[in-house]
C-alpha atoms as a PDB file:
ATOM      1  CA  UNK A   1     -14.647  -0.707  -6.040  1.00  0.00           C
ATOM      2  CA  UNK A   2     -15.388  -2.369  -9.347  1.00  0.00           C
ATOM      3  CA  UNK A   3     -18.751  -4.083  -9.736  1.00  0.00           C
ATOM      4  CA  UNK A   4     -17.517  -7.614  -9.090  1.00  0.00           C
ATOM      5  CA  UNK A   5     -20.130  -9.775  -7.397  1.00  0.00           C
ATOM      6  CA  UNK A   6     -19.734 -12.643  -4.948  1.00  0.00           C
ATOM      7  CA  UNK A   7     -20.454 -15.090  -7.760  1.00  0.00           C
ATOM      8  CA  UNK A   8     -17.825 -13.500 -10.035  1.00  0.00           C
ATOM      9  CA  UNK A   9     -15.041 -14.073  -7.500  1.00  0.00           C
ATOM     10  CA  UNK A  10     -16.065 -17.056  -5.421  1.00  0.00           C
ATOM     11  CA  UNK A  11     -18.731 -18.758  -7.563  1.00  0.00           C
ATOM     12  CA  UNK A  12     -21.286 -17.800  -4.925  1.00  0.00           C
ATOM     13  CA  UNK A  13     -20.952 -18.539  -1.229  1.00  0.00           C
ATOM     14  CA  UNK A  14     -20.323 -22.290  -1.547  1.00  0.00           C
ATOM     15  CA  UNK A  15     -17.424 -23.373   0.621  1.00  0.00           C
ATOM     16  CA  UNK A  16     -17.480 -20.220   2.734  1.00  0.00           C
ATOM     17  CA  UNK A  17     -16.602 -20.530   6.404  1.00  0.00           C
ATOM     18  CA  UNK A  18     -16.776 -18.087   9.334  1.00  0.00           C
ATOM     19  CA  UNK A  19     -13.860 -15.665   9.285  1.00  0.00           C
ATOM     20  CA  UNK A  20     -12.791 -16.027  12.889  1.00  0.00           C
ATOM     21  CA  UNK A  21      -9.769 -14.105  14.117  1.00  0.00           C
ATOM     22  CA  UNK A  22      -6.589 -15.711  12.790  1.00  0.00           C
ATOM     23  CA  UNK A  23      -8.376 -17.947  10.265  1.00  0.00           C
ATOM     24  CA  UNK A  24      -7.728 -15.712   7.237  1.00  0.00           C
ATOM     25  CA  UNK A  25      -5.065 -13.536   5.688  1.00  0.00           C
ATOM     26  CA  UNK A  26      -1.416 -13.782   4.682  1.00  0.00           C
ATOM     27  CA  UNK A  27       1.245 -12.173   6.864  1.00  0.00           C
ATOM     28  CA  UNK A  28       4.366 -10.490   5.494  1.00  0.00           C
ATOM     29  CA  UNK A  29       7.547 -12.491   5.926  1.00  0.00           C
ATOM     30  CA  UNK A  30       9.205 -10.006   8.271  1.00  0.00           C
ATOM     31  CA  UNK A  31       7.918  -6.936  10.100  1.00  0.00           C
ATOM     32  CA  UNK A  32       4.174  -6.830  10.760  1.00  0.00           C
ATOM     33  CA  UNK A  33       2.271  -3.693  11.735  1.00  0.00           C
ATOM     34  CA  UNK A  34       0.728  -3.967  15.221  1.00  0.00           C
ATOM     35  CA  UNK A  35      -2.936  -4.711  15.697  1.00  0.00           C
ATOM     36  CA  UNK A  36      -3.712  -1.189  16.910  1.00  0.00           C
ATOM     37  CA  UNK A  37      -2.538   0.433  13.635  1.00  0.00           C
ATOM     38  CA  UNK A  38      -5.141   2.700  12.045  1.00  0.00           C
ATOM     39  CA  UNK A  39      -5.301   5.086   9.070  1.00  0.00           C
ATOM     40  CA  UNK A  40      -5.338   8.754   9.985  1.00  0.00           C
ATOM     41  CA  UNK A  41      -6.280  11.939   8.136  1.00  0.00           C
ATOM     42  CA  UNK A  42      -5.765  12.577   4.443  1.00  0.00           C
ATOM     43  CA  UNK A  43      -4.385  15.830   3.016  1.00  0.00           C
ATOM     44  CA  UNK A  44      -5.914  16.894  -0.306  1.00  0.00           C
ATOM     45  CA  UNK A  45      -5.083  19.601  -2.808  1.00  0.00           C
ATOM     46  CA  UNK A  46      -8.213  21.363  -4.073  1.00  0.00           C
ATOM     47  CA  UNK A  47      -8.844  24.169  -6.528  1.00  0.00           C
ATOM     48  CA  UNK A  48     -11.319  26.317  -4.572  1.00  0.00           C
ATOM     49  CA  UNK A  49     -11.393  26.055  -0.777  1.00  0.00           C
ATOM     50  CA  UNK A  50     -14.703  27.833  -0.290  1.00  0.00           C
ATOM     51  CA  UNK A  51     -16.408  25.575  -2.852  1.00  0.00           C
ATOM     52  CA  UNK A  52     -14.944  22.471  -1.239  1.00  0.00           C
ATOM     53  CA  UNK A  53     -16.059  23.498   2.260  1.00  0.00           C
ATOM     54  CA  UNK A  54     -19.654  23.779   1.096  1.00  0.00           C
ATOM     55  CA  UNK A  55     -19.491  20.161  -0.053  1.00  0.00           C
ATOM     56  CA  UNK A  56     -17.609  18.797   2.959  1.00  0.00           C
ATOM     57  CA  UNK A  57     -19.866  20.531   5.458  1.00  0.00           C
ATOM     58  CA  UNK A  58     -23.271  20.355   3.760  1.00  0.00           C
ATOM     59  CA  UNK A  59     -23.051  17.054   1.880  1.00  0.00           C
ATOM     60  CA  UNK A  60     -20.668  15.014   4.043  1.00  0.00           C
ATOM     61  CA  UNK A  61     -21.600  16.671   7.326  1.00  0.00           C
ATOM     62  CA  UNK A  62     -18.075  17.353   8.583  1.00  0.00           C
ATOM     63  CA  UNK A  63     -17.199  20.374  10.737  1.00  0.00           C
ATOM     64  CA  UNK A  64     -14.379  22.815  10.029  1.00  0.00           C
ATOM     65  CA  UNK A  65     -12.207  22.890  13.150  1.00  0.00           C
ATOM     66  CA  UNK A  66      -9.314  24.949  11.723  1.00  0.00           C
ATOM     67  CA  UNK A  67      -9.082  27.382   8.847  1.00  0.00           C
ATOM     68  CA  UNK A  68      -6.507  29.795   7.498  1.00  0.00           C
ATOM     69  CA  UNK A  69      -6.192  31.620   4.196  1.00  0.00           C
ATOM     70  CA  UNK A  70      -5.330  28.590   2.087  1.00  0.00           C
ATOM     71  CA  UNK A  71      -6.416  25.547   4.054  1.00  0.00           C
ATOM     72  CA  UNK A  72      -8.904  23.949   6.410  1.00  0.00           C
ATOM     73  CA  UNK A  73      -9.130  20.912   8.685  1.00  0.00           C
ATOM     74  CA  UNK A  74     -12.388  18.995   9.048  1.00  0.00           C
ATOM     75  CA  UNK A  75     -13.574  16.570  11.716  1.00  0.00           C
ATOM     76  CA  UNK A  76     -16.783  14.734  12.704  1.00  0.00           C
ATOM     77  CA  UNK A  77     -19.471  16.388  14.795  1.00  0.00           C
ATOM     78  CA  UNK A  78     -18.491  16.563  18.450  1.00  0.00           C
ATOM     79  CA  UNK A  79     -14.937  15.398  17.847  1.00  0.00           C
ATOM     80  CA  UNK A  80     -11.637  17.123  17.325  1.00  0.00           C
ATOM     81  CA  UNK A  81      -9.700  14.286  15.649  1.00  0.00           C
ATOM     82  CA  UNK A  82      -9.277  15.474  12.040  1.00  0.00           C
ATOM     83  CA  UNK A  83     -10.266  13.352   9.066  1.00  0.00           C
ATOM     84  CA  UNK A  84      -9.545  15.641   6.123  1.00  0.00           C
ATOM     85  CA  UNK A  85      -7.162  18.525   5.541  1.00  0.00           C
ATOM     86  CA  UNK A  86      -7.814  20.664   2.471  1.00  0.00           C
ATOM     87  CA  UNK A  87      -5.020  22.695   0.910  1.00  0.00           C
ATOM     88  CA  UNK A  88      -6.041  25.208  -1.750  1.00  0.00           C
ATOM     89  CA  UNK A  89      -4.109  25.666  -4.974  1.00  0.00           C
ATOM     90  CA  UNK A  90      -6.241  28.296  -6.700  1.00  0.00           C
ATOM     91  CA  UNK A  91      -7.454  27.125 -10.076  1.00  0.00           C
ATOM     92  CA  UNK A  92      -6.157  23.563  -9.736  1.00  0.00           C
ATOM     93  CA  UNK A  93      -7.738  21.345 -12.353  1.00  0.00           C
ATOM     94  CA  UNK A  94     -10.170  18.619 -11.257  1.00  0.00           C
ATOM     95  CA  UNK A  95      -8.720  15.136 -10.926  1.00  0.00           C
ATOM     96  CA  UNK A  96      -9.181  13.152 -14.165  1.00  0.00           C
ATOM     97  CA  UNK A  97     -11.617  10.247 -14.098  1.00  0.00           C
ATOM     98  CA  UNK A  98      -8.979   7.785 -15.325  1.00  0.00           C
ATOM     99  CA  UNK A  99      -5.309   7.522 -16.038  1.00  0.00           C
ATOM    100  CA  UNK A 100      -3.945   8.824 -12.727  1.00  0.00           C
ATOM    101  CA  UNK A 101      -2.070   7.066  -9.953  1.00  0.00           C
ATOM    102  CA  UNK A 102      -2.540   7.996  -6.313  1.00  0.00           C
ATOM    103  CA  UNK A 103      -5.946   8.407  -4.705  1.00  0.00           C
ATOM    104  CA  UNK A 104      -8.764   6.134  -5.839  1.00  0.00           C
ATOM    105  CA  UNK A 105     -10.821   7.079  -2.798  1.00  0.00           C
ATOM    106  CA  UNK A 106     -10.527   7.548   0.936  1.00  0.00           C
ATOM    107  CA  UNK A 107     -13.163   5.943   3.117  1.00  0.00           C
ATOM    108  CA  UNK A 108     -14.959   7.411   6.124  1.00  0.00           C
ATOM    109  CA  UNK A 109     -16.224   4.762   8.558  1.00  0.00           C
ATOM    110  CA  UNK A 110     -19.456   5.517  10.421  1.00  0.00           C
ATOM    111  CA  UNK A 111     -19.988   3.965  13.859  1.00  0.00           C
ATOM    112  CA  UNK A 112     -23.061   1.879  12.971  1.00  0.00           C
ATOM    113  CA  UNK A 113     -25.553   0.896  10.291  1.00  0.00           C
ATOM    114  CA  UNK A 114     -28.188   3.306  11.592  1.00  0.00           C
ATOM    115  CA  UNK A 115     -25.809   6.213  10.963  1.00  0.00           C
ATOM    116  CA  UNK A 116     -25.279   5.019   7.393  1.00  0.00           C
ATOM    117  CA  UNK A 117     -29.033   4.813   6.925  1.00  0.00           C
ATOM    118  CA  UNK A 118     -29.382   8.410   8.085  1.00  0.00           C
ATOM    119  CA  UNK A 119     -26.632   9.458   5.685  1.00  0.00           C
ATOM    120  CA  UNK A 120     -28.401   7.716   2.788  1.00  0.00           C
ATOM    121  CA  UNK A 121     -31.630   9.485   3.684  1.00  0.00           C
ATOM    122  CA  UNK A 122     -29.767  12.797   3.744  1.00  0.00           C
ATOM    123  CA  UNK A 123     -28.303  12.174   0.279  1.00  0.00           C
ATOM    124  CA  UNK A 124     -31.788  11.497  -1.027  1.00  0.00           C
ATOM    125  CA  UNK A 125     -33.179  14.659   0.542  1.00  0.00           C
ATOM    126  CA  UNK A 126     -30.536  16.900  -1.045  1.00  0.00           C
ATOM    127  CA  UNK A 127     -30.506  15.041  -4.365  1.00  0.00           C
ATOM    128  CA  UNK A 128     -26.844  14.052  -4.182  1.00  0.00           C
ATOM    129  CA  UNK A 129     -25.712  11.301  -6.537  1.00  0.00           C
ATOM    130  CA  UNK A 130     -23.823   8.327  -5.122  1.00  0.00           C
ATOM    131  CA  UNK A 131     -22.761   4.859  -6.135  1.00  0.00           C
ATOM    132  CA  UNK A 132     -23.245   1.930  -3.778  1.00  0.00           C
ATOM    133  CA  UNK A 133     -21.816  -1.489  -3.002  1.00  0.00           C
ATOM    134  CA  UNK A 134     -22.480  -4.271  -0.525  1.00  0.00           C
ATOM    135  CA  UNK A 135     -18.974  -5.597   0.117  1.00  0.00           C
ATOM    136  CA  UNK A 136     -20.136  -8.446   2.410  1.00  0.00           C
ATOM    137  CA  UNK A 137     -17.989  -7.111   5.259  1.00  0.00           C
ATOM    138  CA  UNK A 138     -19.485  -3.627   4.888  1.00  0.00           C
ATOM    139  CA  UNK A 139     -22.056  -1.498   3.077  1.00  0.00           C
ATOM    140  CA  UNK A 140     -20.752   1.553   1.240  1.00  0.00           C
ATOM    141  CA  UNK A 141     -21.704   4.623  -0.747  1.00  0.00           C
ATOM    142  CA  UNK A 142     -19.400   6.481  -3.140  1.00  0.00           C
ATOM    143  CA  UNK A 143     -19.249  10.184  -3.973  1.00  0.00           C
ATOM    144  CA  UNK A 144     -16.956  12.605  -5.796  1.00  0.00           C
ATOM    145  CA  UNK A 145     -16.052  15.941  -4.243  1.00  0.00           C
ATOM    146  CA  UNK A 146     -16.097  19.150  -6.348  1.00  0.00           C
ATOM    147  CA  UNK A 147     -12.546  18.371  -7.561  1.00  0.00           C
ATOM    148  CA  UNK A 148     -13.538  14.831  -8.571  1.00  0.00           C
ATOM    149  CA  UNK A 149     -11.665  13.235  -5.663  1.00  0.00           C
ATOM    150  CA  UNK A 150     -13.194   9.923  -4.608  1.00  0.00           C
ATOM    151  CA  UNK A 151     -14.868   9.410  -1.231  1.00  0.00           C
ATOM    152  CA  UNK A 152     -16.459   6.334   0.324  1.00  0.00           C
ATOM    153  CA  UNK A 153     -18.792   6.513   3.325  1.00  0.00           C
ATOM    154  CA  UNK A 154     -19.496   3.129   4.883  1.00  0.00           C
ATOM    155  CA  UNK A 155     -20.460   1.054   7.894  1.00  0.00           C
ATOM    156  CA  UNK A 156     -19.058  -2.340   8.822  1.00  0.00           C
ATOM    157  CA  UNK A 157     -21.023  -5.493   9.286  1.00  0.00           C
ATOM    158  CA  UNK A 158     -20.339  -7.330  12.573  1.00  0.00           C
ATOM    159  CA  UNK A 159     -17.221  -9.489  12.351  1.00  0.00           C
ATOM    160  CA  UNK A 160     -19.389 -12.484  13.171  1.00  0.00           C
ATOM    161  CA  UNK A 161     -20.962 -12.041   9.717  1.00  0.00           C
ATOM    162  CA  UNK A 162     -17.654 -12.044   7.806  1.00  0.00           C
ATOM    163  CA  UNK A 163     -16.819 -15.167   5.783  1.00  0.00           C
ATOM    164  CA  UNK A 164     -13.706 -16.593   4.163  1.00  0.00           C
ATOM    165  CA  UNK A 165     -12.835 -19.069   1.430  1.00  0.00           C
ATOM    166  CA  UNK A 166      -9.605 -20.779   2.396  1.00  0.00           C
ATOM    167  CA  UNK A 167      -7.341 -18.065   3.824  1.00  0.00           C
ATOM    168  CA  UNK A 168      -8.974 -15.286   1.805  1.00  0.00           C
ATOM    169  CA  UNK A 169     -11.605 -12.994   3.266  1.00  0.00           C
ATOM    170  CA  UNK A 170     -14.751 -12.787   1.159  1.00  0.00           C
ATOM    171  CA  UNK A 171     -15.367  -9.347  -0.341  1.00  0.00           C
ATOM    172  CA  UNK A 172     -17.364  -8.385  -3.415  1.00  0.00           C
ATOM    173  CA  UNK A 173     -19.535  -5.574  -4.782  1.00  0.00           C
ATOM    174  CA  UNK A 174     -23.150  -6.717  -4.591  1.00  0.00           C
ATOM    175  CA  UNK A 175     -26.261  -4.492  -4.655  1.00  0.00           C
ATOM    176  CA  UNK A 176     -27.075  -2.623  -1.445  1.00  0.00           C
ATOM    177  CA  UNK A 177     -30.458  -3.102   0.237  1.00  0.00           C
ATOM    178  CA  UNK A 178     -31.132   0.629   0.438  1.00  0.00           C
ATOM    179  CA  UNK A 179     -34.651   0.220   1.847  1.00  0.00           C
ATOM    180  CA  UNK A 180     -33.300  -1.839   4.742  1.00  0.00           C
ATOM    181  CA  UNK A 181     -30.624   0.782   5.414  1.00  0.00           C
ATOM    182  CA  UNK A 182     -33.149   3.606   5.523  1.00  0.00           C
ATOM    183  CA  UNK A 183     -35.306   1.528   7.854  1.00  0.00           C
ATOM    184  CA  UNK A 184     -32.291   1.019  10.140  1.00  0.00           C
ATOM    185  CA  UNK A 185     -32.130   4.800  10.606  1.00  0.00           C
ATOM    186  CA  UNK A 186     -35.306   4.520  12.671  1.00  0.00           C
ATOM    187  CA  UNK A 187     -36.753   7.762  11.342  1.00  0.00           C
ATOM    188  CA  UNK A 188     -34.014   9.810  12.992  1.00  0.00           C
ATOM    189  CA  UNK A 189     -32.755  12.603  10.716  1.00  0.00           C
ATOM    190  CA  UNK A 190     -29.132  13.092   9.689  1.00  0.00           C
ATOM    191  CA  UNK A 191     -27.402  15.825  11.684  1.00  0.00           C
ATOM    192  CA  UNK A 192     -23.867  15.398  10.360  1.00  0.00           C
ATOM    193  CA  UNK A 193     -21.005  12.929  10.689  1.00  0.00           C
ATOM    194  CA  UNK A 194     -21.559  11.566  14.206  1.00  0.00           C
ATOM    195  CA  UNK A 195     -19.070  11.284  17.028  1.00  0.00           C
ATOM    196  CA  UNK A 196     -17.146   8.027  16.622  1.00  0.00           C
ATOM    197  CA  UNK A 197     -16.679   8.478  12.873  1.00  0.00           C
ATOM    198  CA  UNK A 198     -13.102   7.637  11.827  1.00  0.00           C
ATOM    199  CA  UNK A 199     -10.970   7.166   8.736  1.00  0.00           C
ATOM    200  CA  UNK A 200     -11.659   3.561   7.783  1.00  0.00           C
ATOM    201  CA  UNK A 201      -9.277   2.966   4.906  1.00  0.00           C
ATOM    202  CA  UNK A 202      -7.504   4.455   1.923  1.00  0.00           C
ATOM    203  CA  UNK A 203      -7.714   3.006  -1.596  1.00  0.00           C
ATOM    204  CA  UNK A 204      -4.910   3.834  -4.025  1.00  0.00           C
ATOM    205  CA  UNK A 205      -4.340   3.490  -7.749  1.00  0.00           C
ATOM    206  CA  UNK A 206      -0.940   1.898  -8.399  1.00  0.00           C
ATOM    207  CA  UNK A 207       1.033   0.775 -11.399  1.00  0.00           C
ATOM    208  CA  UNK A 208       1.626  -2.853 -10.406  1.00  0.00           C
ATOM    209  CA  UNK A 209       0.099  -5.139  -7.774  1.00  0.00           C
ATOM    210  CA  UNK A 210       3.317  -7.099  -7.178  1.00  0.00           C
ATOM    211  CA  UNK A 211       5.203  -3.873  -6.465  1.00  0.00           C
ATOM    212  CA  UNK A 212       2.387  -2.685  -4.201  1.00  0.00           C
ATOM    213  CA  UNK A 213       2.607  -5.942  -2.271  1.00  0.00           C
ATOM    214  CA  UNK A 214       6.388  -5.573  -1.938  1.00  0.00           C
ATOM    215  CA  UNK A 215       6.142  -2.024  -0.586  1.00  0.00           C
ATOM    216  CA  UNK A 216       2.968  -1.979   1.484  1.00  0.00           C
ATOM    217  CA  UNK A 217       2.950  -5.555   2.765  1.00  0.00           C
ATOM    218  CA  UNK A 218       6.490  -6.955   2.820  1.00  0.00           C
ATOM    219  CA  UNK A 219       8.247  -3.657   3.643  1.00  0.00           C
ATOM    220  CA  UNK A 220       5.653  -1.598   5.515  1.00  0.00           C
ATOM    221  CA  UNK A 221       4.055  -4.583   7.238  1.00  0.00           C
ATOM    222  CA  UNK A 222       0.381  -4.812   6.268  1.00  0.00           C
ATOM    223  CA  UNK A 223      -1.166  -8.284   6.175  1.00  0.00           C
ATOM    224  CA  UNK A 224      -2.913  -9.323   2.964  1.00  0.00           C
ATOM    225  CA  UNK A 225      -6.620 -10.133   3.305  1.00  0.00           C
ATOM    226  CA  UNK A 226      -8.031 -10.270  -0.265  1.00  0.00           C
ATOM    227  CA  UNK A 227      -5.890 -11.013  -3.331  1.00  0.00           C
ATOM    228  CA  UNK A 228      -8.214 -12.604  -5.902  1.00  0.00           C
ATOM    229  CA  UNK A 229     -10.314  -9.481  -6.467  1.00  0.00           C
ATOM    230  CA  UNK A 230      -9.547  -8.633 -10.119  1.00  0.00           C
ATOM    231  CA  UNK A 231      -6.737  -6.099 -10.377  1.00  0.00           C
ATOM    232  CA  UNK A 232      -6.684  -5.323  -6.666  1.00  0.00           C
ATOM    233  CA  UNK A 233      -5.005  -6.203  -3.375  1.00  0.00           C
ATOM    234  CA  UNK A 234      -6.516  -5.517   0.058  1.00  0.00           C
ATOM    235  CA  UNK A 235      -4.383  -5.228   3.210  1.00  0.00           C
ATOM    236  CA  UNK A 236      -4.859  -4.515   6.905  1.00  0.00           C
ATOM    237  CA  UNK A 237      -3.408  -4.637  10.380  1.00  0.00           C
ATOM    238  CA  UNK A 238      -4.900  -6.770  13.137  1.00  0.00           C
ATOM    239  CA  UNK A 239      -7.407  -8.724  11.062  1.00  0.00           C
ATOM    240  CA  UNK A 240      -9.540  -5.822   9.802  1.00  0.00           C
ATOM    241  CA  UNK A 241     -10.979  -6.375   6.313  1.00  0.00           C
ATOM    242  CA  UNK A 242      -8.753  -3.611   4.919  1.00  0.00           C
ATOM    243  CA  UNK A 243      -7.057  -0.430   6.021  1.00  0.00           C
ATOM    244  CA  UNK A 244      -5.509  -0.135   2.568  1.00  0.00           C
ATOM    245  CA  UNK A 245      -6.472  -1.260  -0.917  1.00  0.00           C
ATOM    246  CA  UNK A 246      -4.479  -0.917  -4.119  1.00  0.00           C
ATOM    247  CA  UNK A 247      -5.664  -1.411  -7.682  1.00  0.00           C
ATOM    248  CA  UNK A 248      -4.435  -1.133 -11.270  1.00  0.00           C
ATOM    249  CA  UNK A 249      -7.762  -0.027 -12.739  1.00  0.00           C
ATOM    250  CA  UNK A 250      -6.320   3.315 -13.949  1.00  0.00           C
ATOM    251  CA  UNK A 251      -4.977   1.361 -16.910  1.00  0.00           C
ATOM    252  CA  UNK A 252      -1.656   0.966 -18.641  1.00  0.00           C
ATOM    253  CA  UNK A 253       0.293   4.176 -18.923  1.00  0.00           C
ATOM    254  CA  UNK A 254      -1.364   5.785 -15.884  1.00  0.00           C
ATOM    255  CA  UNK A 255       0.772   8.603 -14.495  1.00  0.00           C
ATOM    256  CA  UNK A 256       1.204  10.523 -11.268  1.00  0.00           C
ATOM    257  CA  UNK A 257      -1.016  13.611 -10.829  1.00  0.00           C
ATOM    258  CA  UNK A 258       0.267  16.873 -12.239  1.00  0.00           C
ATOM    259  CA  UNK A 259       1.169  19.571  -9.709  1.00  0.00           C
ATOM    260  CA  UNK A 260      -1.722  21.744 -10.901  1.00  0.00           C
ATOM    261  CA  UNK A 261      -4.342  18.988 -10.527  1.00  0.00           C
ATOM    262  CA  UNK A 262      -6.415  18.189  -7.474  1.00  0.00           C
ATOM    263  CA  UNK A 263      -4.918  15.126  -5.801  1.00  0.00           C
ATOM    264  CA  UNK A 264      -3.922  13.352  -2.607  1.00  0.00           C
ATOM    265  CA  UNK A 265      -0.921  15.115  -1.101  1.00  0.00           C
ATOM    266  CA  UNK A 266      -0.464  12.651   1.752  1.00  0.00           C
ATOM    267  CA  UNK A 267      -2.212   9.991   3.790  1.00  0.00           C
ATOM    268  CA  UNK A 268      -1.440   8.953   7.338  1.00  0.00           C
ATOM    269  CA  UNK A 269      -0.855   5.727   9.242  1.00  0.00           C
ATOM    270  CA  UNK A 270      -1.249   6.027  13.020  1.00  0.00           C
ATOM    271  CA  UNK A 271       0.769   3.603  15.159  1.00  0.00           C
ATOM    272  CA  UNK A 272       0.259   2.858  18.852  1.00  0.00           C
ATOM    273  CA  UNK A 273       3.759   3.698  20.145  1.00  0.00           C
ATOM    274  CA  UNK A 274       7.253   4.913  19.323  1.00  0.00           C
ATOM    275  CA  UNK A 275       8.641   1.369  19.132  1.00  0.00           C
ATOM    276  CA  UNK A 276       6.184   0.540  16.348  1.00  0.00           C
ATOM    277  CA  UNK A 277       7.166   3.695  14.481  1.00  0.00           C
ATOM    278  CA  UNK A 278      10.834   2.754  14.719  1.00  0.00           C
ATOM    279  CA  UNK A 279      10.088  -0.826  13.621  1.00  0.00           C
ATOM    280  CA  UNK A 280       8.215   0.321  10.532  1.00  0.00           C
ATOM    281  CA  UNK A 281      10.980   2.763   9.585  1.00  0.00           C
ATOM    282  CA  UNK A 282      13.629   0.071   9.991  1.00  0.00           C
ATOM    283  CA  UNK A 283      11.658  -2.420   7.896  1.00  0.00           C
ATOM    284  CA  UNK A 284      11.228   0.113   5.086  1.00  0.00           C
ATOM    285  CA  UNK A 285      14.921   0.989   5.130  1.00  0.00           C
ATOM    286  CA  UNK A 286      15.986  -2.673   5.076  1.00  0.00           C
ATOM    287  CA  UNK A 287      13.813  -3.196   1.999  1.00  0.00           C
ATOM    288  CA  UNK A 288      15.525  -0.287   0.246  1.00  0.00           C
ATOM    289  CA  UNK A 289      12.808   2.372   0.592  1.00  0.00           C
ATOM    290  CA  UNK A 290      13.512   5.867   1.875  1.00  0.00           C
ATOM    291  CA  UNK A 291      12.024   6.539   5.316  1.00  0.00           C
ATOM    292  CA  UNK A 292      12.868  10.020   6.538  1.00  0.00           C
ATOM    293  CA  UNK A 293      12.353  11.336  10.043  1.00  0.00           C
ATOM    294  CA  UNK A 294      10.258  14.502  10.205  1.00  0.00           C
ATOM    295  CA  UNK A 295      10.071  15.401  13.876  1.00  0.00           C
ATOM    296  CA  UNK A 296       8.069  12.686  15.607  1.00  0.00           C
ATOM    297  CA  UNK A 297       6.924  11.157  12.336  1.00  0.00           C
ATOM    298  CA  UNK A 298       8.373   9.100   9.484  1.00  0.00           C
ATOM    299  CA  UNK A 299       7.654  10.054   5.875  1.00  0.00           C
ATOM    300  CA  UNK A 300       7.981   7.672   2.936  1.00  0.00           C
ATOM    301  CA  UNK A 301       6.686   7.394  -0.626  1.00  0.00           C
ATOM    302  CA  UNK A 302       5.380   4.364  -2.454  1.00  0.00           C
ATOM    303  CA  UNK A 303       6.912   3.373  -5.819  1.00  0.00           C
ATOM    304  CA  UNK A 304       4.503   5.745  -7.630  1.00  0.00           C
ATOM    305  CA  UNK A 305       5.249   8.787  -5.492  1.00  0.00           C
ATOM    306  CA  UNK A 306       2.260   8.747  -3.131  1.00  0.00           C
ATOM    307  CA  UNK A 307       3.417  10.141   0.216  1.00  0.00           C
ATOM    308  CA  UNK A 308       2.668   8.293   3.443  1.00  0.00           C
ATOM    309  CA  UNK A 309       3.224   9.764   6.899  1.00  0.00           C
ATOM    310  CA  UNK A 310       3.596   7.411   9.869  1.00  0.00           C
ATOM    311  CA  UNK A 311       3.104   8.828  13.344  1.00  0.00           C
ATOM    312  CA  UNK A 312       2.298   7.784  16.896  1.00  0.00           C
ATOM    313  CA  UNK A 313      -1.366   8.212  17.704  1.00  0.00           C
ATOM    314  CA  UNK A 314      -1.867  10.994  20.220  1.00  0.00           C
END
């Protein structure tokens, strides 16, 4: 996220109130995704699978649970639910720093603050570079994989600590208290992404915020939680701070990734039941967006070509 502080957006914390369930957010006019909706795994095109696996296993601490000649699936330690699927296109160019639509970053949610503290300690031990941001609702660290694809690793603050101004949830990018995070680790070393780690959210670069709102909120059914963050819109299901963010920071004239560049091939939305899947597909179709059945899933694309797969959580 851009370095926009609490004071930049809200003039400080004056006027903030507790963000109790139902006290914040804007619902779409029609279909709304159910509370149990969650983001699922992301599928990424990379240029060198072996190189990527070194990073994903040794830096991020994921475990390879499936591998064939051109791809691999990675999951947390002690868990089989995948988070990342890597698909090799030999020699694919790294993702450009700017000027591309699609993935801004995907975000891995750790189960608690102590786990994030252990991860921070691990990054320091191996000399890995990372950005950081205290987003008020969470604390986060940002990395780039070997193909320059963006990754966030974060832990949530308790919902009792979240605040709102009017109907808008308070989020910003303030400095992280790294010393406090390391202290929260309790001296326990990092041993990899722990059990209970999940995909927290996906953040996309788009060409227009109004069009992103029309597709992802009004058609697909995400509620809007933060809309005054410069150049960005944050959305969720069930009152979470965000399962999806969109931004226009790639700049005017940004284009879709080239086929021979590393990029996001697909991200996933997991729904609680078949009725929810059917409701989402119907809402998309009524709004004029293609929603094709692919077995027990529905596949659609946003206005900039980013593919989204909706399925029923197993």
